[in-house]
Protein backbone atom coordinates (compact mmCIF):
# COMPACT_ATOMS: atom_id res chain seq x y z
CA MET A 1 72.31 -46.20 -41.10
CA ASN A 2 70.13 -44.19 -39.15
CA THR A 3 70.59 -44.04 -35.26
CA HIS A 4 67.55 -45.11 -33.85
CA LYS A 5 68.04 -48.31 -36.01
CA LYS A 6 71.70 -48.19 -34.41
CA TRP A 7 70.51 -48.19 -31.23
CA ALA A 8 67.86 -51.13 -31.91
CA ALA A 9 70.80 -53.27 -33.60
CA THR A 10 73.00 -52.90 -30.47
CA ILE A 11 70.17 -53.69 -28.48
CA LEU A 12 69.06 -56.70 -30.23
CA ALA A 13 72.49 -57.67 -30.85
CA GLY A 14 72.91 -57.62 -26.86
CA ALA A 15 69.87 -59.39 -26.25
CA LEU A 16 71.07 -62.49 -28.49
CA SER A 17 74.87 -62.80 -27.43
CA SER A 18 74.45 -62.88 -23.89
CA GLY A 19 74.43 -66.92 -23.79
CA GLY A 20 77.38 -66.99 -26.06
CA LEU A 21 79.07 -64.54 -23.43
CA ARG A 22 78.89 -66.72 -20.35
CA ALA A 23 79.61 -70.13 -22.40
CA GLU A 24 82.82 -68.30 -23.30
CA SER A 25 84.28 -66.26 -21.43
CA GLY A 26 82.94 -67.76 -18.01
CA PHE A 27 81.72 -63.75 -17.02
CA SER A 28 77.68 -63.86 -15.61
CA LEU A 29 75.95 -61.56 -17.09
CA PRO A 30 72.03 -61.46 -15.48
CA PRO A 31 69.50 -62.63 -16.67
CA LEU A 32 68.20 -60.28 -20.03
CA SER A 33 64.68 -60.47 -21.07
CA LEU A 34 63.35 -58.80 -24.44
CA ASP A 35 60.03 -57.32 -25.51
CA MET A 36 59.31 -56.61 -29.10
CA SER A 37 55.49 -55.14 -30.39
CA CYS A 38 54.32 -53.55 -33.66
CA LYS A 39 51.67 -51.47 -33.29
CA PHE A 40 49.62 -50.01 -36.32
CA GLU A 41 46.88 -47.11 -36.17
CA THR A 42 44.60 -45.34 -38.50
CA GLU A 43 45.60 -41.75 -36.74
CA ARG A 44 48.58 -41.22 -34.85
CA VAL A 45 47.25 -39.28 -31.51
CA GLU A 46 49.26 -37.30 -29.05
CA ARG A 47 48.47 -36.00 -25.70
CA GLY A 48 44.77 -35.19 -27.29
CA ALA A 49 46.07 -33.39 -30.74
CA ARG A 50 45.93 -35.52 -34.11
CA LEU A 51 49.61 -35.15 -35.67
CA ASN A 52 49.85 -37.66 -38.45
CA GLN A 53 47.56 -40.50 -39.80
CA GLN A 54 48.16 -43.64 -40.86
CA THR A 55 51.26 -44.73 -38.62
CA PHE A 56 53.51 -48.12 -37.78
CA THR A 57 54.95 -48.08 -34.41
CA PRO A 58 57.20 -51.09 -33.73
CA LYS A 59 59.21 -50.84 -30.34
CA VAL A 60 62.02 -53.10 -29.09
CA GLU A 61 63.10 -52.89 -25.21
CA VAL A 62 65.62 -54.99 -23.54
CA ARG A 63 65.39 -55.68 -19.37
CA ALA A 64 67.47 -56.80 -16.59
CA PRO A 65 67.25 -57.22 -13.02
CA LEU A 66 68.25 -54.55 -10.58
CA PHE A 67 68.57 -55.23 -7.01
CA GLY A 68 65.96 -56.20 -5.20
CA GLU A 69 62.32 -56.04 -6.53
CA GLY A 70 64.26 -53.41 -9.25
CA GLU A 71 64.32 -52.93 -12.91
CA LEU A 72 66.39 -51.40 -15.31
CA TYR A 73 65.23 -51.43 -19.13
CA PHE A 74 65.95 -49.54 -22.09
CA GLY A 75 64.69 -49.50 -25.83
CA SER A 76 64.09 -47.52 -29.13
CA LYS A 77 60.46 -46.98 -30.36
CA SER A 78 59.84 -45.44 -34.14
CA PHE A 79 56.63 -43.90 -35.29
CA LEU A 80 56.47 -44.34 -39.21
CA SER A 81 54.55 -42.75 -41.19
CA ILE A 82 52.98 -44.64 -44.23
CA ARG A 83 52.21 -41.94 -45.94
CA ASN A 84 54.90 -38.96 -45.31
CA SER A 85 58.06 -39.81 -43.34
CA ARG A 86 59.01 -36.01 -43.21
CA PHE A 87 56.92 -36.62 -40.30
CA ASN A 88 58.45 -40.10 -38.46
CA LYS A 89 59.40 -39.75 -35.22
CA TYR A 90 61.82 -41.75 -32.97
CA ASP A 91 62.27 -42.20 -29.00
CA LEU A 92 65.54 -43.99 -27.48
CA TYR A 93 64.77 -44.39 -23.71
CA LEU A 94 66.20 -45.58 -20.26
CA GLY A 95 64.22 -46.22 -17.52
CA ALA A 96 64.42 -48.08 -14.31
CA SER A 97 61.58 -49.29 -12.03
CA TYR A 98 60.79 -50.76 -8.73
CA SER A 99 57.80 -52.43 -7.65
CA PHE A 100 56.15 -52.91 -4.03
CA PRO A 101 54.34 -55.95 -4.12
CA GLU A 102 50.59 -56.09 -3.54
CA TYR A 103 50.68 -52.28 -4.14
CA GLY A 104 52.56 -50.82 -6.85
CA THR A 105 55.61 -49.57 -9.11
CA LEU A 106 57.38 -46.79 -8.99
CA ASP A 107 59.19 -46.16 -12.59
CA ALA A 108 61.06 -42.75 -13.67
CA GLY A 109 63.50 -42.57 -16.94
CA PHE A 110 64.72 -40.30 -19.39
CA ILE A 111 63.59 -39.96 -23.86
CA HIS A 112 66.14 -38.31 -26.18
CA HIS A 113 63.08 -38.21 -28.93
CA ILE A 114 63.96 -36.83 -32.70
CA TYR A 115 62.21 -36.10 -34.63
CA ARG A 116 62.49 -36.12 -39.00
CA ASN A 117 61.70 -32.89 -40.38
CA ARG A 118 63.66 -30.02 -39.33
CA PHE A 119 62.02 -27.18 -40.55
CA ALA A 120 58.51 -25.39 -39.14
CA TRP A 121 55.43 -23.83 -41.11
CA ILE A 122 54.84 -20.62 -39.30
CA PRO A 123 51.32 -19.70 -40.50
CA SER A 124 51.89 -15.98 -39.24
CA ILE A 125 51.73 -12.74 -40.85
CA ARG A 126 54.43 -13.39 -43.03
CA PRO A 127 54.25 -17.35 -43.67
CA ARG A 128 57.27 -18.82 -43.77
CA TRP A 129 59.43 -22.12 -43.12
CA LYS A 130 61.47 -22.00 -40.66
CA GLU A 131 64.65 -24.38 -39.33
CA ILE A 132 64.19 -26.00 -36.02
CA LYS A 133 65.82 -28.37 -33.75
CA ARG A 134 65.48 -32.45 -34.54
CA HIS A 135 65.56 -33.09 -31.33
CA SER A 136 64.59 -32.52 -27.18
CA GLU A 137 65.13 -34.46 -24.15
CA GLU A 138 61.91 -35.75 -21.71
CA PHE A 139 62.31 -36.44 -18.36
CA TYR A 140 59.92 -38.63 -16.34
CA ILE A 141 58.65 -40.06 -13.18
CA GLY A 142 55.39 -41.95 -11.99
CA CYS A 143 53.75 -45.00 -10.66
CA THR A 144 51.00 -47.40 -10.95
CA GLY A 145 49.37 -49.30 -8.70
CA ASP A 146 48.74 -53.31 -8.60
CA PHE A 147 45.12 -52.98 -7.75
CA PHE A 148 41.21 -52.37 -8.41
CA LEU A 149 41.87 -50.35 -11.70
CA ASN A 150 45.10 -50.22 -11.96
CA PRO A 151 45.71 -46.99 -11.72
CA SER A 152 48.82 -44.76 -12.73
CA LEU A 153 49.92 -41.76 -12.54
CA TYR A 154 52.77 -39.84 -14.68
CA TYR A 155 54.61 -36.24 -14.47
CA CYS A 156 56.92 -36.01 -17.90
CA PHE A 157 59.35 -32.46 -18.36
CA ASP A 158 60.57 -31.63 -21.78
CA LEU A 159 64.03 -30.05 -20.97
CA THR A 160 63.61 -28.72 -24.64
CA ARG A 161 60.48 -27.40 -25.43
CA ARG A 162 60.03 -26.43 -21.45
CA ARG A 163 56.77 -29.18 -21.73
CA HIS A 164 54.95 -29.98 -18.50
CA ASN A 165 52.07 -33.09 -18.78
CA LEU A 166 50.62 -34.55 -15.75
CA GLU A 167 48.53 -37.48 -16.97
CA GLY A 168 46.14 -40.60 -14.81
CA ALA A 169 45.13 -43.20 -16.18
CA ALA A 170 43.11 -46.55 -15.68
CA ASN A 171 42.46 -49.57 -17.15
CA TYR A 172 39.56 -52.89 -16.70
CA LEU A 173 40.62 -56.78 -18.23
CA TYR A 174 38.23 -58.56 -18.20
CA ASP A 175 38.82 -62.43 -18.93
CA LEU A 176 36.67 -63.87 -21.66
CA SER A 177 37.31 -67.47 -21.17
CA PRO A 178 34.22 -68.41 -18.68
CA HIS A 179 31.77 -67.56 -21.82
CA GLY A 180 33.59 -69.63 -24.15
CA LEU A 181 35.98 -67.84 -26.03
CA GLU A 182 39.37 -69.02 -24.03
CA GLY A 183 41.90 -67.02 -24.75
CA PHE A 184 40.46 -63.93 -25.11
CA ALA A 185 39.83 -60.73 -23.00
CA ALA A 186 38.64 -57.31 -23.66
CA ASP A 187 40.95 -54.13 -21.88
CA LEU A 188 38.99 -50.96 -20.76
CA SER A 189 40.76 -47.85 -19.96
CA ALA A 190 40.54 -44.43 -19.11
CA LYS A 191 42.46 -41.67 -19.27
CA VAL A 192 42.72 -38.03 -18.29
CA GLY A 193 46.03 -34.79 -19.15
CA TYR A 194 47.15 -31.22 -18.56
CA ASP A 195 49.47 -30.37 -21.14
CA ARG A 196 51.53 -27.02 -20.84
CA ILE A 197 54.43 -26.33 -23.70
CA GLN A 198 56.10 -22.57 -22.57
CA ARG A 199 58.90 -23.23 -24.82
CA PRO A 200 57.95 -24.45 -28.39
CA PHE A 201 61.66 -25.19 -29.99
CA GLY A 202 62.68 -21.00 -29.57
CA LEU A 203 59.84 -20.12 -31.20
CA LYS A 204 56.85 -17.67 -30.45
CA ASP A 205 54.64 -18.84 -33.40
CA THR A 206 52.50 -21.16 -33.23
CA PHE A 207 53.87 -24.23 -35.69
CA LYS A 208 53.96 -27.62 -36.71
CA ALA A 209 57.31 -29.37 -35.73
CA GLY A 210 57.87 -32.76 -35.56
CA GLY A 211 54.67 -33.83 -36.18
CA ALA A 212 53.42 -31.72 -32.65
CA PHE A 213 51.70 -27.99 -32.49
CA SER A 214 52.69 -25.69 -30.41
CA GLY A 215 52.07 -22.54 -29.32
CA GLU A 216 49.64 -22.46 -26.26
CA LYS A 217 51.59 -21.12 -23.18
CA LYS A 218 48.17 -21.17 -20.86
CA GLY A 219 47.93 -25.08 -21.25
CA TYR A 220 44.64 -27.55 -21.90
CA LEU A 221 43.18 -30.58 -20.22
CA TYR A 222 42.30 -33.51 -22.58
CA TYR A 223 40.98 -37.00 -22.21
CA GLY A 224 40.82 -40.34 -23.59
CA ALA A 225 39.04 -43.65 -23.23
CA GLY A 226 39.64 -46.65 -25.57
CA ALA A 227 38.66 -50.60 -25.84
CA ASP A 228 40.42 -53.60 -27.10
CA LEU A 229 39.90 -57.13 -27.67
CA VAL A 230 42.75 -59.45 -27.01
CA TYR A 231 44.07 -62.48 -27.26
CA THR A 232 46.94 -64.84 -26.04
CA PHE A 233 48.65 -67.28 -27.76
CA ASN A 234 50.66 -68.02 -25.17
CA GLY A 235 53.14 -67.37 -22.52
CA ASN A 236 54.71 -64.83 -25.18
CA THR A 237 52.73 -63.32 -27.83
CA THR A 238 49.70 -61.62 -27.66
CA THR A 239 47.94 -59.24 -29.82
CA ARG A 240 45.00 -56.71 -29.45
CA ALA A 241 42.93 -54.90 -31.57
CA GLY A 242 40.15 -51.73 -30.41
CA LEU A 243 38.87 -48.42 -30.93
CA ARG A 244 41.23 -45.34 -29.18
CA TYR A 245 38.93 -42.10 -28.57
CA GLU A 246 40.33 -38.78 -27.44
CA GLY A 247 39.41 -35.23 -26.98
CA ALA A 248 41.23 -31.74 -25.14
CA ASN A 249 39.23 -28.78 -23.55
CA GLY A 250 37.56 -26.13 -26.40
CA LYS A 251 39.98 -22.70 -27.43
CA LYS A 252 42.70 -23.63 -25.09
CA ALA A 253 43.96 -26.63 -26.78
CA TRP A 254 46.23 -26.10 -29.36
CA ILE A 255 45.14 -28.84 -31.77
CA SER A 256 43.09 -27.12 -34.29
CA LYS A 257 44.32 -24.07 -34.98
CA ILE A 258 45.92 -23.82 -38.45
CA SER A 259 43.34 -27.03 -40.40
CA GLU A 260 40.08 -28.16 -39.16
CA LYS A 261 41.24 -31.63 -40.02
CA TYR A 262 43.66 -31.50 -36.40
CA ARG A 263 40.11 -31.74 -34.42
CA ARG A 264 39.62 -32.00 -31.13
CA ASN A 265 37.39 -34.77 -30.83
CA LEU A 266 39.33 -37.86 -32.20
CA LEU A 267 38.08 -41.75 -33.12
CA TRP A 268 40.17 -43.81 -34.45
CA PHE A 269 41.77 -47.88 -34.60
CA SER A 270 44.53 -49.23 -33.23
CA THR A 271 46.14 -52.59 -33.34
CA SER A 272 49.46 -54.56 -32.70
CA ILE A 273 51.24 -57.26 -31.45
CA ASP A 274 53.67 -58.32 -28.52
CA CYS A 275 55.69 -60.84 -27.69
CA SER A 276 58.20 -61.29 -24.75
CA PHE A 277 61.41 -63.82 -24.98
C-alpha cells in the first residue's frame, strides 16, 4: 500500500473509532471533525503553470480544537492524473490555525510533497533522463480576513527546492436564493502571486520534475480568476462547478520553455463535491 494511502486509512480509522475509544476506556478525546472532498479538473494548474491534463483530486482532513479559538488539522491530498499516472503527486500536511472573531484567521503548517515520477527529462545540449528526488518539504504561513471579499495572504517556502511563493487572493460569495434559486450561490475569486525557485531539485537545467517546470531563478508573477456555481444540499454537503483562468508574465515565467502546450494563458473547467462531518 502506498504511503499516502496508509496515512489516509489511519486518519479515517482514528476519526471513526474515537467514539468507541471513549465508551470502552472512559478516555475523552477532543471532538473531531472530518472533511472529505473530491475534485475533477480538465487541467492541473499550479501557480500559473499547466502541469497535467484531466486530474482527480481527493482530499481527507481531520480537525481538532486547540486552546481558545485554535484548531489543529492534518490530512492527505492526492493529484491523480487520468491519462498518465507517472505525474501523480501526493501531499501529506499538518497545520494549526487561530481565529480572531470579526477580524480573521492566522494559519501555519507543513506539507510533505511526494512525486510519482523519479526521472526528469533534461532538454539541454545533451538531452537525457536524470533521476531526481521523489519528495520535497514546504512550510507555509498566512492569514485570512473575515470581512469584505475575504482577502488572504500566504507565504510558502519549499525547503528542498528553495522555492519562495507569495500569493494574495480574494473571493465574493453571492447568494442566489432571493432570485428564486434556493440553495444556490455564485462564488467569484481572484488571485495574484510571485514564485521563485532557487534550487530545482539540485539541477541547473530546465526540466520537468514531479509535474513542475523549473530552472528560472529570477522568478515570475502569475494571476488568476474563477467563477463557480455552488449548491448546498444540506449543512454537510456542497457541490460546485465553474471555470478557472490563470496566466503568468511573459518570458520570465518558466511555463512555456519546452512545449507550446504549456502555454501561459490557461482556461479550464473544475467541479467538486465537499462533505463535512
